[in-house]
Amino acid sequence: MIMGHNDAIFIAGGHGVAGSAIRRRLLSKGYSNVLSPTHKELDLSSQDEVESFFKEYKPKYVLYTAAKMGSITYRNSHPAELLLENLLMQTNVIRCAHRFDVEKLLFMSSDFIYPEIQDRAMTEDDFLSGLPSKRDFPYSLAKITGVKLCDYYREEYGNQFFTVVPCAFFGTDSSFDLERANVVASMIHRMHDAKTTNAAEFTLWGTGKPVKEFLFSDDVASACVLLMEQESVEGLYNIGSGSGGTSIRELADIIKNVVDYKGQIVYDLSKPDGIMRRVTNSSRLRALGWKPEYDLETAVRITYEHFQKQVG
């Protein structure tokens, strides 16, 4: 089924980093009936509220981008909350999408669902080939459940529900709250503070050697909209930069250049590195004609300019 420009399209989590970018992308392409309620307007963890929303607005297409996440410190201290809130939100939306005959649903998962693979890029076939990292297991478990729920609705009822697996992404709608921010937004905030206070040193945990993929949220959005515009999609689609990954050390150098921080970056070797490599293979998505529009430094620069406006 092909989306029509007047069809009701519901973005669950439409004011988050990915959801906001998807909303902008849809509107720029002429989709006029985009529904993106705020958390105050619609609590996704409430089954009653989600059912009432579907009854009233009758969305024909759904993009689920909501997630409860945060920094490593936050994730370590809130495992029960992360698992429960993510399970509640995604289950309520996916269940209602089936119940109210949604034509197509995109479920946004995370590369946290994959096991640790060091010697190559992760493909969609690596899903459930091993356990994900223990450190992020509560979040991973919730996202794995969402993937399989979509699979089972498709297998049992024929619902066109599918999953995207983006790499680490960031953008102009990122949270820069240091407790909740992802690695790019957190580093931008902290290095800006180091610059404004003329700090001689900027400290990062570990060796700086871990390699990850980083992608601008607008590129994630273009991939999601492209998939929603396909006549038929199923299963998993990785969304990665295709760069082969960027080390934390390289990311820090890029942000230092963009922020124009003059101090020295130092590494606290007493702190752990975490997963040493997390890179995905996005050839399945690229076969449909998608590729990123933004290189990493350009994306960091746009994001930093937005952060500067926020802090005045």
Protein backbone atom coordinates (compact mmCIF):
# COMPACT_ATOMS: atom_id res chain seq x y z
CA MET A 1 0.00 0.00 0.00
CA ILE A 2 1.36 3.41 -1.03
CA MET A 3 0.90 6.36 1.35
CA GLY A 4 -1.36 9.11 0.07
CA HIS A 5 -0.55 12.75 0.78
CA ASN A 6 -3.84 13.21 2.63
CA ASP A 7 -3.69 9.96 4.63
CA ALA A 8 -3.48 10.26 8.42
CA ILE A 9 0.11 9.48 9.46
CA PHE A 10 0.81 9.06 13.17
CA ILE A 11 4.35 9.56 14.48
CA ALA A 12 4.58 8.06 17.96
CA GLY A 13 7.39 9.99 19.60
CA GLY A 14 7.00 12.76 17.07
CA HIS A 15 8.83 15.33 19.18
CA GLY A 16 11.94 13.26 19.78
CA VAL A 17 15.14 13.42 17.75
CA ALA A 18 14.06 10.99 15.02
CA GLY A 19 10.33 11.76 15.18
CA SER A 20 10.84 15.50 14.72
CA ALA A 21 13.08 14.92 11.72
CA ILE A 22 10.55 12.50 10.20
CA ARG A 23 7.75 15.03 10.72
CA ARG A 24 9.76 17.71 8.89
CA ARG A 25 10.57 15.28 6.09
CA LEU A 26 6.94 14.26 5.59
CA LEU A 27 5.69 17.84 5.60
CA SER A 28 8.39 18.90 3.12
CA LYS A 29 7.21 16.15 0.77
CA GLY A 30 3.61 17.34 0.86
CA TYR A 31 2.06 14.96 3.40
CA SER A 32 -0.54 17.20 5.00
CA ASN A 33 -2.15 15.03 7.69
CA VAL A 34 0.75 14.28 10.04
CA LEU A 35 -0.23 13.55 13.64
CA SER A 36 2.50 14.06 16.25
CA PRO A 37 0.97 14.64 19.68
CA THR A 38 3.22 15.63 22.57
CA HIS A 39 3.61 13.47 25.67
CA LYS A 40 1.17 15.74 27.51
CA GLU A 41 -1.38 15.24 24.74
CA LEU A 42 -0.88 11.48 24.52
CA ASP A 43 0.81 9.24 27.09
CA LEU A 44 1.92 6.23 25.06
CA SER A 45 2.30 4.15 28.21
CA SER A 46 -1.45 4.45 28.84
CA GLN A 47 -3.44 1.79 27.00
CA ASP A 48 -6.67 3.78 27.39
CA GLU A 49 -5.17 6.97 25.96
CA VAL A 50 -3.62 5.19 22.99
CA GLU A 51 -6.88 3.38 22.18
CA SER A 52 -8.85 6.63 22.41
CA PHE A 53 -6.36 8.31 20.07
CA PHE A 54 -6.68 5.58 17.43
CA LYS A 55 -10.47 5.65 17.70
CA GLU A 56 -10.63 9.41 17.23
CA TYR A 57 -7.95 10.05 14.61
CA LYS A 58 -7.92 6.73 12.74
CA PRO A 59 -4.31 6.86 11.53
CA LYS A 60 -3.70 4.87 8.37
CA TYR A 61 0.09 4.77 8.74
CA VAL A 62 2.20 4.68 11.90
CA LEU A 63 5.86 5.39 12.56
CA TYR A 64 6.87 4.35 16.05
CA THR A 65 9.99 6.31 17.06
CA ALA A 66 9.40 6.69 20.80
CA ALA A 67 12.02 5.49 23.27
CA LYS A 68 12.99 5.97 26.87
CA MET A 69 16.78 6.10 26.88
CA GLY A 70 19.59 8.17 28.34
CA SER A 71 23.28 8.28 29.15
CA ILE A 72 25.25 5.25 30.34
CA THR A 73 24.88 6.45 33.92
CA TYR A 74 21.13 6.84 33.55
CA ARG A 75 20.73 3.43 31.91
CA ASN A 76 22.72 1.72 34.65
CA SER A 77 20.64 3.26 37.43
CA HIS A 78 17.15 2.83 35.88
CA PRO A 79 16.96 -0.70 34.36
CA ALA A 80 13.41 -1.53 35.52
CA GLU A 81 12.06 1.83 34.39
CA LEU A 82 13.72 1.52 30.97
CA LEU A 83 12.37 -1.97 30.34
CA LEU A 84 8.84 -1.32 31.59
CA GLU A 85 8.27 2.07 29.96
CA ASN A 86 9.56 0.93 26.57
CA LEU A 87 7.49 -2.26 26.69
CA LEU A 88 4.32 -0.39 27.62
CA MET A 89 4.66 2.31 24.98
CA GLN A 90 5.51 0.10 22.02
CA THR A 91 3.03 -2.66 22.91
CA ASN A 92 0.14 -0.20 23.22
CA VAL A 93 0.87 1.35 19.82
CA ILE A 94 1.58 -1.89 17.93
CA ARG A 95 -1.50 -3.58 19.40
CA CYS A 96 -3.74 -0.66 18.41
CA ALA A 97 -2.19 -0.50 14.94
CA HIS A 98 -3.37 -4.08 14.43
CA ARG A 99 -6.73 -3.58 16.10
CA PHE A 100 -7.58 -0.46 14.08
CA ASP A 101 -6.38 -1.80 10.70
CA VAL A 102 -3.35 0.40 10.12
CA GLU A 103 -1.98 -0.19 6.61
CA LYS A 104 1.71 -0.02 7.52
CA LEU A 105 3.71 0.39 10.71
CA LEU A 106 7.39 1.23 11.07
CA PHE A 107 8.90 0.22 14.41
CA MET A 108 12.17 1.96 15.25
CA SER A 109 14.45 -0.37 17.15
CA SER A 110 18.15 0.11 17.91
CA ASP A 111 21.48 -1.48 17.06
CA PHE A 112 21.56 -2.45 20.74
CA ILE A 113 19.49 -5.49 19.71
CA TYR A 114 22.51 -7.11 18.04
CA PRO A 115 25.17 -9.21 19.77
CA GLU A 116 28.67 -7.81 20.03
CA ILE A 117 30.44 -8.41 16.70
CA GLN A 118 33.97 -7.08 16.44
CA ASP A 119 35.33 -8.33 13.13
CA ARG A 120 32.70 -7.10 10.65
CA ALA A 121 29.62 -4.95 10.18
CA MET A 122 26.39 -6.32 11.63
CA THR A 123 23.72 -7.45 9.16
CA GLU A 124 20.03 -8.03 9.72
CA ASP A 125 20.76 -11.79 9.85
CA ASP A 126 22.73 -11.25 13.06
CA PHE A 127 19.52 -10.51 14.96
CA LEU A 128 19.11 -13.08 17.76
CA SER A 129 22.31 -14.88 16.73
CA GLY A 130 23.65 -14.12 20.21
CA LEU A 131 22.96 -12.09 23.34
CA PRO A 132 23.28 -8.31 23.25
CA SER A 133 25.52 -6.46 25.69
CA LYS A 134 24.63 -7.13 29.34
CA ARG A 135 25.12 -3.47 30.20
CA ASP A 136 22.24 -2.34 27.99
CA PHE A 137 20.16 -5.48 28.29
CA PRO A 138 16.95 -3.88 29.70
CA TYR A 139 16.69 -1.49 26.76
CA SER A 140 17.78 -4.15 24.27
CA LEU A 141 15.23 -6.63 25.59
CA ALA A 142 12.39 -4.14 25.15
CA LYS A 143 13.44 -3.38 21.58
CA ILE A 144 13.89 -7.06 20.73
CA THR A 145 10.35 -7.67 21.96
CA GLY A 146 9.05 -4.91 19.71
CA VAL A 147 10.79 -6.41 16.68
CA LYS A 148 9.31 -9.84 17.32
CA LEU A 149 5.85 -8.45 18.05
CA CYS A 150 5.87 -6.84 14.60
CA ASP A 151 7.12 -10.09 13.07
CA TYR A 152 4.41 -12.13 14.73
CA TYR A 153 1.60 -9.78 13.77
CA ARG A 154 2.84 -10.00 10.19
CA GLU A 155 3.09 -13.80 10.30
CA GLU A 156 -0.22 -14.42 12.07
CA TYR A 157 -2.42 -11.68 10.61
CA GLY A 158 -0.62 -10.34 7.54
CA ASN A 159 -0.06 -6.88 9.01
CA GLN A 160 2.60 -4.93 7.16
CA PHE A 161 4.63 -4.13 10.27
CA PHE A 162 8.40 -3.84 9.88
CA THR A 163 11.46 -2.64 11.79
CA VAL A 164 14.28 -0.18 11.20
CA VAL A 165 17.54 -0.46 13.13
CA PRO A 166 19.34 2.88 13.10
CA CYS A 167 22.87 3.38 14.33
CA ALA A 168 23.56 6.07 16.96
CA PHE A 169 21.96 9.27 15.68
CA PHE A 170 21.75 12.87 16.78
CA GLY A 171 20.42 16.17 15.48
CA THR A 172 18.94 19.55 16.19
CA ASP A 173 16.26 18.06 18.45
CA SER A 174 18.73 16.12 20.60
CA SER A 175 18.51 16.49 24.35
CA PHE A 176 21.60 18.22 25.68
CA ASP A 177 20.72 17.36 29.28
CA LEU A 178 23.89 15.65 30.45
CA GLU A 179 21.97 12.93 32.30
CA ARG A 180 19.90 12.00 29.26
CA ALA A 181 22.02 13.06 26.27
CA ASN A 182 23.63 10.61 23.86
CA VAL A 183 27.37 10.64 23.27
CA VAL A 184 27.42 13.32 20.55
CA ALA A 185 25.06 15.75 22.27
CA SER A 186 26.77 15.20 25.62
CA MET A 187 30.21 15.80 24.15
CA ILE A 188 29.04 18.95 22.36
CA HIS A 189 27.60 20.32 25.62
CA ARG A 190 30.61 19.41 27.75
CA MET A 191 33.17 20.69 25.26
CA HIS A 192 31.26 23.95 24.84
CA ASP A 193 31.38 24.35 28.63
CA ALA A 194 35.12 23.62 28.60
CA LYS A 195 35.61 26.30 25.96
CA THR A 196 33.58 28.95 27.77
CA THR A 197 35.42 28.30 31.07
CA ASN A 198 38.83 28.16 29.35
CA ALA A 199 39.46 24.68 30.76
CA ALA A 200 42.93 23.42 29.96
CA GLU A 201 41.78 19.81 29.64
CA PHE A 202 38.71 17.90 28.49
CA THR A 203 38.44 14.38 29.89
CA LEU A 204 36.86 11.35 28.21
CA TRP A 205 36.42 7.89 29.67
CA GLY A 206 38.57 5.04 28.43
CA THR A 207 41.02 5.00 25.56
CA GLY A 208 38.89 6.64 22.88
CA LYS A 209 39.35 3.56 20.70
CA PRO A 210 35.75 2.20 20.57
CA VAL A 211 34.26 2.56 17.08
CA LYS A 212 30.61 3.41 16.41
CA GLU A 213 28.52 4.71 13.56
CA PHE A 214 26.98 8.15 13.92
CA LEU A 215 24.23 9.52 11.70
CA PHE A 216 22.37 12.82 11.43
CA SER A 217 18.68 12.55 12.34
CA ASP A 218 17.61 14.01 8.99
CA ASP A 219 19.30 11.06 7.26
CA VAL A 220 17.47 8.63 9.54
CA ALA A 221 14.25 10.42 8.60
CA SER A 222 14.87 10.18 4.86
CA ALA A 223 15.44 6.42 5.21
CA CYS A 224 12.24 5.93 7.22
CA VAL A 225 10.09 7.92 4.80
CA LEU A 226 11.59 6.08 1.83
CA LEU A 227 10.63 2.74 3.40
CA MET A 228 7.13 3.94 4.24
CA GLU A 229 6.70 4.96 0.60
CA GLN A 230 7.52 1.46 -0.67
CA GLU A 231 4.62 -0.69 -1.79
CA SER A 232 5.75 -3.62 0.35
CA VAL A 233 8.36 -3.94 3.12
CA GLU A 234 8.98 -6.54 5.82
CA GLY A 235 11.55 -7.63 8.35
CA LEU A 236 14.55 -5.57 9.44
CA TYR A 237 16.36 -2.69 7.74
CA ASN A 238 19.62 -1.34 9.14
CA ILE A 239 20.15 2.41 8.83
CA GLY A 240 23.86 3.18 9.06
CA SER A 241 26.31 5.77 7.85
CA GLY A 242 28.28 3.38 5.66
CA SER A 243 31.48 5.06 6.84
CA GLY A 244 32.87 1.98 8.52
CA GLY A 245 32.52 3.70 11.87
CA THR A 246 34.17 6.52 13.77
CA SER A 247 36.24 6.11 16.91
CA ILE A 248 35.38 8.11 20.01
CA ARG A 249 38.79 9.75 19.65
CA GLU A 250 37.99 10.82 16.08
CA LEU A 251 34.55 12.06 17.14
CA ALA A 252 36.13 14.12 19.93
CA ASP A 253 38.57 15.70 17.44
CA ILE A 254 35.68 16.61 15.10
CA ILE A 255 33.68 18.18 17.92
CA LYS A 256 36.77 20.00 19.22
CA ASN A 257 37.27 21.51 15.77
CA VAL A 258 33.62 22.52 15.40
CA VAL A 259 33.37 23.99 18.91
CA ASP A 260 36.81 25.61 18.51
CA TYR A 261 37.99 24.33 21.86
CA LYS A 262 41.69 25.10 22.37
CA GLY A 263 42.43 22.83 25.32
CA GLN A 264 43.77 19.30 25.37
CA ILE A 265 41.66 16.15 25.19
CA VAL A 266 42.79 13.60 27.76
CA TYR A 267 41.60 10.05 28.42
CA ASP A 268 40.84 8.56 31.82
CA LEU A 269 42.22 5.05 31.41
CA SER A 270 40.80 3.98 34.76
CA LYS A 271 37.32 4.07 33.20
CA PRO A 272 35.98 1.29 30.91
CA ASP A 273 35.76 1.54 27.14
CA GLY A 274 32.52 -0.40 26.74
CA ILE A 275 31.77 -2.16 23.45
CA MET A 276 34.78 -1.75 21.18
CA ARG A 277 32.95 -1.88 17.83
CA ARG A 278 29.34 -1.35 16.77
CA VAL A 279 29.00 -0.92 13.00
CA THR A 280 26.10 -2.00 10.79
CA ASN A 281 25.75 -3.14 7.19
CA SER A 282 22.98 -1.14 5.46
CA SER A 283 23.16 -2.76 2.02
CA ARG A 284 19.52 -3.92 2.18
CA LEU A 285 18.34 -0.32 2.58
CA ARG A 286 20.86 1.08 0.10
CA ALA A 287 19.54 -1.32 -2.53
CA LEU A 288 16.37 0.80 -2.47
CA GLY A 289 18.38 3.88 -3.42
CA TRP A 290 18.99 5.47 0.00
CA LYS A 291 22.23 7.06 1.10
CA PRO A 292 23.08 9.70 3.73
CA GLU A 293 23.14 13.35 2.70
CA TYR A 294 25.26 14.67 5.59
CA ASP A 295 28.85 13.87 6.53
CA LEU A 296 29.62 13.68 10.24
CA GLU A 297 31.37 17.03 10.61
CA THR A 298 28.58 18.90 8.80
CA ALA A 299 25.99 17.22 11.01
CA VAL A 300 27.94 18.09 14.16
CA ARG A 301 28.27 21.70 13.00
CA ILE A 302 24.51 22.06 12.38
CA THR A 303 23.77 20.50 15.76
CA TYR A 304 26.26 22.72 17.57
CA GLU A 305 24.82 25.85 15.98
CA HIS A 306 21.40 24.80 17.28
CA PHE A 307 22.83 24.15 20.76
CA GLN A 308 24.40 27.63 20.83
CA LYS A 309 20.98 29.16 20.14
CA GLN A 310 19.55 27.21 23.07
CA VAL A 311 22.17 28.39 25.55
CA GLY A 312 22.18 31.94 24.19
